[in-house]
């Protein structure tokens, strides 16, 4: 549909929605749901919270439809509502992070600390690639669609104050013009530029622009697929040496909501051998491939006493070239069905 035809269709739906037609409102707003959810996820670092904020956005938009003046596009108006819903939520929530950014590295020979969980926890959450919007950001965006959703980028974003975070996402991840960003944030253009300058300076301290090459490797990349096959084989056959051979010297293993984390090939190897692949571990684990945060990922299953495999969590991998740089294991079986995979595999 051309832009002109889209404008006419939206105008017709808007008129019907203003007359009280909820179906017309749904047809008007629903096409933006996926991109709004990713926007909220970038701000909040949580899939669950992002889903809640999109629902809140739709509710606020329906209730306030009579206030939409048409000076900006309907899409921009929805982004404004969503952004402020997220900023309101951040007033009541702690920022999300990963264990490696919150605690010192753990001695691999020490007992593993208990998980920090509960109704509200401090950890970033993974995001299924299948929920990403089909259209990418504006050509003016500083970061491409893949990089701006990786765990490393999300973790760095959470270090920013909320309004700086929102300004950077709107300008650098989405490519919104400064004037529209100012309207969304209800700031002046100079204030947006100032917030963006501070945000970029802070981000540079926490994130290497360009990210890690393997985080954006396409699934069809033969070298990457070969490394992933080796990873799966090592994990499922309890081949600790084979797993270690894939790691960078300074590789990191984290396991939210467990605060313990391990840095370095030797440290990761000691922990994996003593806590994950210990004993008769061949066949203990089964991995199913998926994608999360534009990165290779696996649903992790653990064999039970009956020989069935039950969901254990979700593992997201970050590669630097062909070497494995980070393994982030979200230790929660509920993530597996969220990625469209079974919670149990029968023997």
Protein backbone atom coordinates (compact mmCIF):
# COMPACT_ATOMS: atom_id res chain seq x y z
CA UNK A 1 0.00 0.00 0.00
CA UNK A 2 1.39 3.43 -0.96
CA UNK A 3 1.92 6.10 1.70
CA UNK A 4 -1.01 8.10 0.28
CA UNK A 5 -3.39 5.14 0.35
CA UNK A 6 -2.18 4.30 3.86
CA UNK A 7 -2.96 7.86 4.99
CA UNK A 8 -6.48 7.61 3.55
CA UNK A 9 -7.09 4.21 5.15
CA UNK A 10 -5.85 5.48 8.53
CA UNK A 11 -8.04 8.57 8.24
CA UNK A 12 -11.12 6.43 7.61
CA UNK A 13 -10.29 4.13 10.53
CA UNK A 14 -9.58 7.11 12.77
CA UNK A 15 -12.95 8.66 11.98
CA UNK A 16 -14.71 5.39 12.73
CA UNK A 17 -12.75 4.90 15.94
CA UNK A 18 -13.61 8.39 17.11
CA UNK A 19 -17.24 7.50 16.56
CA UNK A 20 -16.81 4.64 19.04
CA UNK A 21 -15.88 1.74 16.73
CA UNK A 22 -13.44 -0.37 18.78
CA UNK A 23 -12.80 -2.71 15.84
CA UNK A 24 -11.70 0.25 13.72
CA UNK A 25 -9.39 1.36 16.51
CA UNK A 26 -7.90 -2.13 16.66
CA UNK A 27 -7.33 -2.12 12.90
CA UNK A 28 -5.69 1.29 13.22
CA UNK A 29 -3.41 0.52 16.16
CA UNK A 30 -2.58 -3.20 15.90
CA UNK A 31 -0.15 -2.87 12.96
CA UNK A 32 2.16 -0.97 15.32
CA UNK A 33 2.03 -3.45 18.19
CA UNK A 34 5.24 -5.33 17.38
CA UNK A 35 7.40 -2.25 16.95
CA UNK A 36 5.91 -0.64 20.06
CA UNK A 37 6.67 -3.78 22.05
CA UNK A 38 10.31 -3.77 20.95
CA UNK A 39 10.49 -0.06 21.79
CA UNK A 40 9.18 -0.71 25.29
CA UNK A 41 11.52 -3.69 25.65
CA UNK A 42 14.55 -1.55 24.83
CA UNK A 43 13.53 0.98 27.47
CA UNK A 44 12.58 -1.53 30.16
CA UNK A 45 14.81 -4.55 29.43
CA UNK A 46 11.92 -6.93 30.13
CA UNK A 47 9.65 -8.80 27.71
CA UNK A 48 6.97 -9.19 30.38
CA UNK A 49 7.01 -5.48 31.24
CA UNK A 50 7.05 -4.53 27.54
CA UNK A 51 3.92 -6.59 26.91
CA UNK A 52 2.20 -4.87 29.83
CA UNK A 53 3.24 -1.43 28.59
CA UNK A 54 1.92 -2.07 25.08
CA UNK A 55 -1.43 -3.06 26.57
CA UNK A 56 -1.34 0.11 28.67
CA UNK A 57 -0.47 2.12 25.57
CA UNK A 58 -3.44 0.75 23.64
CA UNK A 59 -5.75 1.43 26.57
CA UNK A 60 -4.49 5.01 26.99
CA UNK A 61 -4.72 5.64 23.24
CA UNK A 62 -8.33 4.44 23.10
CA UNK A 63 -9.33 6.52 26.09
CA UNK A 64 -7.53 9.63 24.80
CA UNK A 65 -8.37 9.32 21.12
CA UNK A 66 -10.23 12.63 21.17
CA UNK A 67 -6.96 14.38 22.10
CA UNK A 68 -5.15 13.23 18.94
CA UNK A 69 -4.88 16.40 16.85
CA UNK A 70 -3.08 14.97 13.83
CA UNK A 71 -0.13 17.35 14.03
CA UNK A 72 2.10 14.27 14.11
CA UNK A 73 1.37 10.86 12.64
CA UNK A 74 -0.78 8.37 14.52
CA UNK A 75 2.32 6.15 14.80
CA UNK A 76 4.29 8.97 16.44
CA UNK A 77 1.38 9.59 18.81
CA UNK A 78 1.41 5.93 19.86
CA UNK A 79 5.17 6.09 20.43
CA UNK A 80 4.67 9.14 22.62
CA UNK A 81 2.10 7.34 24.74
CA UNK A 82 4.24 4.19 24.94
CA UNK A 83 7.39 6.09 25.86
CA UNK A 84 5.70 7.94 28.70
CA UNK A 85 4.04 4.75 29.94
CA UNK A 86 7.52 3.22 30.15
CA UNK A 87 8.99 6.26 31.87
CA UNK A 88 6.15 6.14 34.40
CA UNK A 89 6.90 2.46 34.99
CA UNK A 90 10.61 3.14 35.50
CA UNK A 91 9.75 5.49 38.36
CA UNK A 92 8.61 2.39 40.27
CA UNK A 93 11.11 -0.23 39.05
CA UNK A 94 14.82 -0.83 39.48
CA UNK A 95 16.92 -0.95 36.36
CA UNK A 96 17.61 -4.28 34.70
CA UNK A 97 21.11 -5.64 34.30
CA UNK A 98 23.14 -8.85 34.02
CA UNK A 99 25.18 -10.45 36.82
CA UNK A 100 28.50 -9.58 35.17
CA UNK A 101 27.62 -5.89 35.43
CA UNK A 102 26.36 -6.05 39.01
CA UNK A 103 28.81 -8.28 40.91
CA UNK A 104 32.49 -9.27 40.85
CA UNK A 105 33.38 -12.50 39.05
CA UNK A 106 32.79 -15.65 41.08
CA UNK A 107 35.40 -18.20 42.15
CA UNK A 108 34.43 -21.33 40.16
CA UNK A 109 35.29 -23.53 43.17
CA UNK A 110 33.01 -21.62 45.56
CA UNK A 111 29.40 -22.70 46.25
CA UNK A 112 26.93 -21.21 43.81
CA UNK A 113 24.91 -18.35 45.28
CA UNK A 114 21.12 -18.76 45.39
CA UNK A 115 19.02 -17.15 42.70
CA UNK A 116 17.74 -13.62 43.15
CA UNK A 117 14.14 -14.01 42.04
CA UNK A 118 10.71 -12.92 43.12
CA UNK A 119 7.87 -10.93 41.56
CA UNK A 120 10.32 -8.14 40.64
CA UNK A 121 13.92 -9.06 39.90
CA UNK A 122 16.85 -7.04 38.55
CA UNK A 123 17.75 -9.06 35.47
CA UNK A 124 17.42 -8.41 31.78
CA UNK A 125 15.12 -10.79 29.94
CA UNK A 126 15.60 -12.38 26.51
CA UNK A 127 13.50 -11.38 23.52
CA UNK A 128 12.31 -13.87 20.85
CA UNK A 129 13.40 -12.97 17.33
CA UNK A 130 10.02 -14.11 16.02
CA UNK A 131 8.46 -11.11 17.78
CA UNK A 132 10.73 -8.56 16.10
CA UNK A 133 9.03 -6.26 13.56
CA UNK A 134 9.58 -7.00 9.91
CA UNK A 135 10.57 -3.43 9.09
CA UNK A 136 13.84 -2.02 10.38
CA UNK A 137 14.70 1.44 11.70
CA UNK A 138 15.04 4.59 9.63
CA UNK A 139 18.23 4.91 7.54
CA UNK A 140 19.12 7.75 9.92
CA UNK A 141 19.52 5.32 12.85
CA UNK A 142 23.01 5.04 14.29
CA UNK A 143 22.58 1.33 15.15
CA UNK A 144 21.08 -1.30 12.87
CA UNK A 145 18.05 -3.39 13.81
CA UNK A 146 20.18 -6.38 14.84
CA UNK A 147 22.72 -4.59 17.00
CA UNK A 148 20.14 -2.49 18.82
CA UNK A 149 18.43 -5.57 20.28
CA UNK A 150 21.47 -7.61 21.39
CA UNK A 151 21.94 -8.34 25.09
CA UNK A 152 25.16 -6.31 25.19
CA UNK A 153 23.40 -3.25 23.78
CA UNK A 154 20.39 -3.70 26.07
CA UNK A 155 22.62 -4.05 29.12
CA UNK A 156 24.47 -0.85 28.20
CA UNK A 157 21.19 1.01 27.67
CA UNK A 158 20.06 0.19 31.19
CA UNK A 159 23.02 2.17 32.56
CA UNK A 160 21.43 5.37 31.22
CA UNK A 161 18.94 7.54 33.13
CA UNK A 162 15.43 6.89 31.79
CA UNK A 163 14.96 10.03 29.66
CA UNK A 164 18.47 9.80 28.22
CA UNK A 165 17.77 6.15 27.44
CA UNK A 166 14.54 7.04 25.65
CA UNK A 167 16.23 9.85 23.70
CA UNK A 168 19.02 7.56 22.54
CA UNK A 169 16.60 4.82 21.52
CA UNK A 170 14.40 7.20 19.55
CA UNK A 171 17.30 8.95 17.80
CA UNK A 172 20.02 6.30 17.44
CA UNK A 173 18.11 2.99 17.43
CA UNK A 174 15.01 4.15 15.52
CA UNK A 175 16.32 7.18 13.62
CA UNK A 176 13.57 9.60 14.65
CA UNK A 177 14.39 13.26 13.82
CA UNK A 178 15.35 15.49 16.73
CA UNK A 179 12.12 17.49 16.37
CA UNK A 180 9.90 14.40 16.61
CA UNK A 181 11.98 13.02 19.47
CA UNK A 182 11.51 16.32 21.29
CA UNK A 183 7.75 16.14 20.74
CA UNK A 184 7.57 12.55 22.01
CA UNK A 185 9.61 13.35 25.13
CA UNK A 186 7.94 16.76 25.63
CA UNK A 187 11.33 18.47 25.58
CA UNK A 188 12.91 21.21 23.48
CA UNK A 189 15.21 20.22 20.62
CA UNK A 190 18.27 21.64 22.48
CA UNK A 191 17.29 19.59 25.54
CA UNK A 192 17.07 16.45 23.41
CA UNK A 193 20.47 17.14 21.86
CA UNK A 194 21.96 17.66 25.32
CA UNK A 195 20.41 14.45 26.66
CA UNK A 196 21.61 12.56 23.59
CA UNK A 197 25.15 13.87 23.99
CA UNK A 198 25.29 12.71 27.60
CA UNK A 199 23.68 9.37 26.71
CA UNK A 200 26.19 8.67 23.94
CA UNK A 201 29.09 9.50 26.25
CA UNK A 202 27.80 7.11 28.92
CA UNK A 203 26.99 4.39 26.40
CA UNK A 204 30.54 4.55 25.05
CA UNK A 205 31.83 3.58 28.51
CA UNK A 206 29.65 0.46 28.64
CA UNK A 207 29.39 -0.65 25.02
CA UNK A 208 31.72 -1.08 22.07
CA UNK A 209 29.96 0.42 19.08
CA UNK A 210 29.63 -2.24 16.42
CA UNK A 211 29.10 -4.94 19.03
CA UNK A 212 30.50 -8.44 18.66
CA UNK A 213 30.56 -9.75 15.13
CA UNK A 214 29.00 -13.11 15.88
CA UNK A 215 26.01 -11.56 17.63
CA UNK A 216 24.78 -10.53 14.18
CA UNK A 217 25.89 -13.61 12.23
CA UNK A 218 23.13 -14.94 10.00
CA UNK A 219 21.91 -18.49 10.68
CA UNK A 220 22.98 -19.44 7.13
CA UNK A 221 26.61 -18.54 7.85
CA UNK A 222 28.35 -21.90 7.41
CA UNK A 223 31.23 -21.13 9.78
CA UNK A 224 28.79 -20.03 12.47
CA UNK A 225 26.61 -23.09 11.98
CA UNK A 226 29.65 -25.33 12.33
CA UNK A 227 30.56 -23.66 15.62
CA UNK A 228 27.01 -24.02 16.89
CA UNK A 229 27.02 -27.70 15.96
CA UNK A 230 30.24 -28.16 17.93
CA UNK A 231 28.70 -26.32 20.87
CA UNK A 232 25.61 -28.55 20.90
CA UNK A 233 27.71 -31.70 20.59
CA UNK A 234 29.98 -30.66 23.47
CA UNK A 235 27.02 -29.78 25.72
CA UNK A 236 25.01 -32.91 25.00
CA UNK A 237 27.96 -35.33 25.21
CA UNK A 238 29.47 -33.65 28.29
CA UNK A 239 32.66 -32.85 26.35
CA UNK A 240 34.15 -30.19 28.62
CA UNK A 241 37.37 -29.98 26.60
CA UNK A 242 35.38 -29.52 23.40
CA UNK A 243 33.34 -26.74 24.98
CA UNK A 244 36.41 -24.97 26.33
CA UNK A 245 38.02 -25.10 22.89
CA UNK A 246 35.21 -22.90 21.54
CA UNK A 247 35.71 -20.16 24.14
CA UNK A 248 37.60 -16.90 23.94
CA UNK A 249 40.30 -16.45 26.55
CA UNK A 250 38.09 -13.94 28.41
CA UNK A 251 34.75 -15.69 27.79
CA UNK A 252 31.94 -15.04 30.26
CA UNK A 253 29.24 -17.37 31.61
CA UNK A 254 26.23 -15.86 33.40
CA UNK A 255 23.07 -17.53 34.71
CA UNK A 256 20.38 -15.04 35.72
CA UNK A 257 18.59 -15.09 38.15
CA UNK A 258 21.68 -16.66 39.79
CA UNK A 259 24.06 -13.77 40.58
CA UNK A 260 27.21 -15.89 40.21
CA UNK A 261 29.14 -15.50 36.97
CA UNK A 262 32.50 -16.64 35.62
CA UNK A 263 35.13 -15.01 33.45
CA UNK A 264 37.89 -16.65 31.47
CA UNK A 265 38.26 -19.96 29.68
CA UNK A 266 39.81 -21.70 32.68
CA UNK A 267 37.28 -20.39 35.19
CA UNK A 268 34.31 -21.25 32.98
CA UNK A 269 35.78 -24.69 32.34
CA UNK A 270 36.24 -25.43 36.04
CA UNK A 271 32.68 -24.38 36.84
CA UNK A 272 31.09 -26.28 33.96
CA UNK A 273 33.05 -29.45 34.78
CA UNK A 274 32.16 -29.31 38.47
CA UNK A 275 28.56 -28.06 38.37
CA UNK A 276 26.94 -28.64 34.95
CA UNK A 277 28.71 -31.48 33.16
CA UNK A 278 29.86 -33.30 36.27
CA UNK A 279 29.51 -37.06 36.82
CA UNK A 280 27.69 -39.20 34.24
CA UNK A 281 26.55 -36.16 32.29
CA UNK A 282 26.47 -37.56 28.77
CA UNK A 283 22.87 -37.27 27.60
CA UNK A 284 21.86 -35.22 30.64
CA UNK A 285 21.19 -32.14 28.54
CA UNK A 286 19.38 -31.59 25.27
CA UNK A 287 19.42 -28.36 23.24
CA UNK A 288 16.87 -27.07 20.74
CA UNK A 289 17.91 -24.14 18.50
CA UNK A 290 16.08 -20.82 18.44
CA UNK A 291 16.96 -17.13 18.17
CA UNK A 292 16.89 -14.43 20.85
CA UNK A 293 17.97 -10.80 20.70
CA UNK A 294 19.24 -11.33 17.13
CA UNK A 295 21.66 -13.90 18.53
CA UNK A 296 21.96 -17.69 18.37
CA UNK A 297 20.07 -19.29 21.26
CA UNK A 298 19.03 -22.69 22.56
CA UNK A 299 16.23 -23.99 24.70
CA UNK A 300 17.95 -26.11 27.35
CA UNK A 301 16.33 -29.34 28.56
CA UNK A 302 17.43 -31.54 31.46
CA UNK A 303 16.72 -35.28 31.57
CA UNK A 304 14.59 -36.45 34.47
CA UNK A 305 14.56 -39.85 36.21
CA UNK A 306 12.05 -41.23 33.69
CA UNK A 307 14.30 -40.32 30.78
CA UNK A 308 12.14 -37.42 29.60
CA UNK A 309 13.61 -34.00 28.99
CA UNK A 310 12.09 -31.08 30.86
CA UNK A 311 12.65 -27.40 30.10
CA UNK A 312 15.45 -25.90 32.16
CA UNK A 313 15.99 -22.47 30.63
CA UNK A 314 17.16 -20.52 27.63
CA UNK A 315 20.78 -20.04 26.60
CA UNK A 316 21.79 -17.04 24.46
CA UNK A 317 25.22 -17.09 22.82
CA UNK A 318 27.43 -14.19 21.79
CA UNK A 319 30.25 -14.87 19.37
CA UNK A 320 33.25 -12.71 18.58
CA UNK A 321 34.15 -13.92 15.13
CA UNK A 322 34.16 -17.72 15.43
CA UNK A 323 34.93 -17.75 19.15
CA UNK A 324 32.30 -17.95 21.85
CA UNK A 325 32.51 -14.79 23.94
CA UNK A 326 29.47 -15.05 26.22
CA UNK A 327 27.02 -17.70 27.36
CA UNK A 328 23.96 -16.26 29.08
CA UNK A 329 21.73 -18.95 30.55
CA UNK A 330 18.34 -17.68 31.69
CA UNK A 331 17.62 -20.34 34.30
CA UNK A 332 13.83 -20.44 34.16
CA UNK A 333 11.85 -23.18 32.38
CA UNK A 334 9.07 -20.73 31.58
CA UNK A 335 11.23 -19.14 28.88
CA UNK A 336 11.17 -22.26 26.71
CA UNK A 337 7.44 -22.18 25.76
CA UNK A 338 7.71 -18.40 25.29
CA UNK A 339 10.01 -19.23 22.38
CA UNK A 340 7.47 -21.61 20.85
CA UNK A 341 9.17 -24.80 22.02
CA UNK A 342 7.72 -27.64 24.13
CA UNK A 343 8.12 -27.61 27.89
CA UNK A 344 8.76 -31.36 27.87
CA UNK A 345 10.20 -33.87 25.39
CA UNK A 346 9.08 -37.44 25.98
CA UNK A 347 11.62 -40.24 25.81
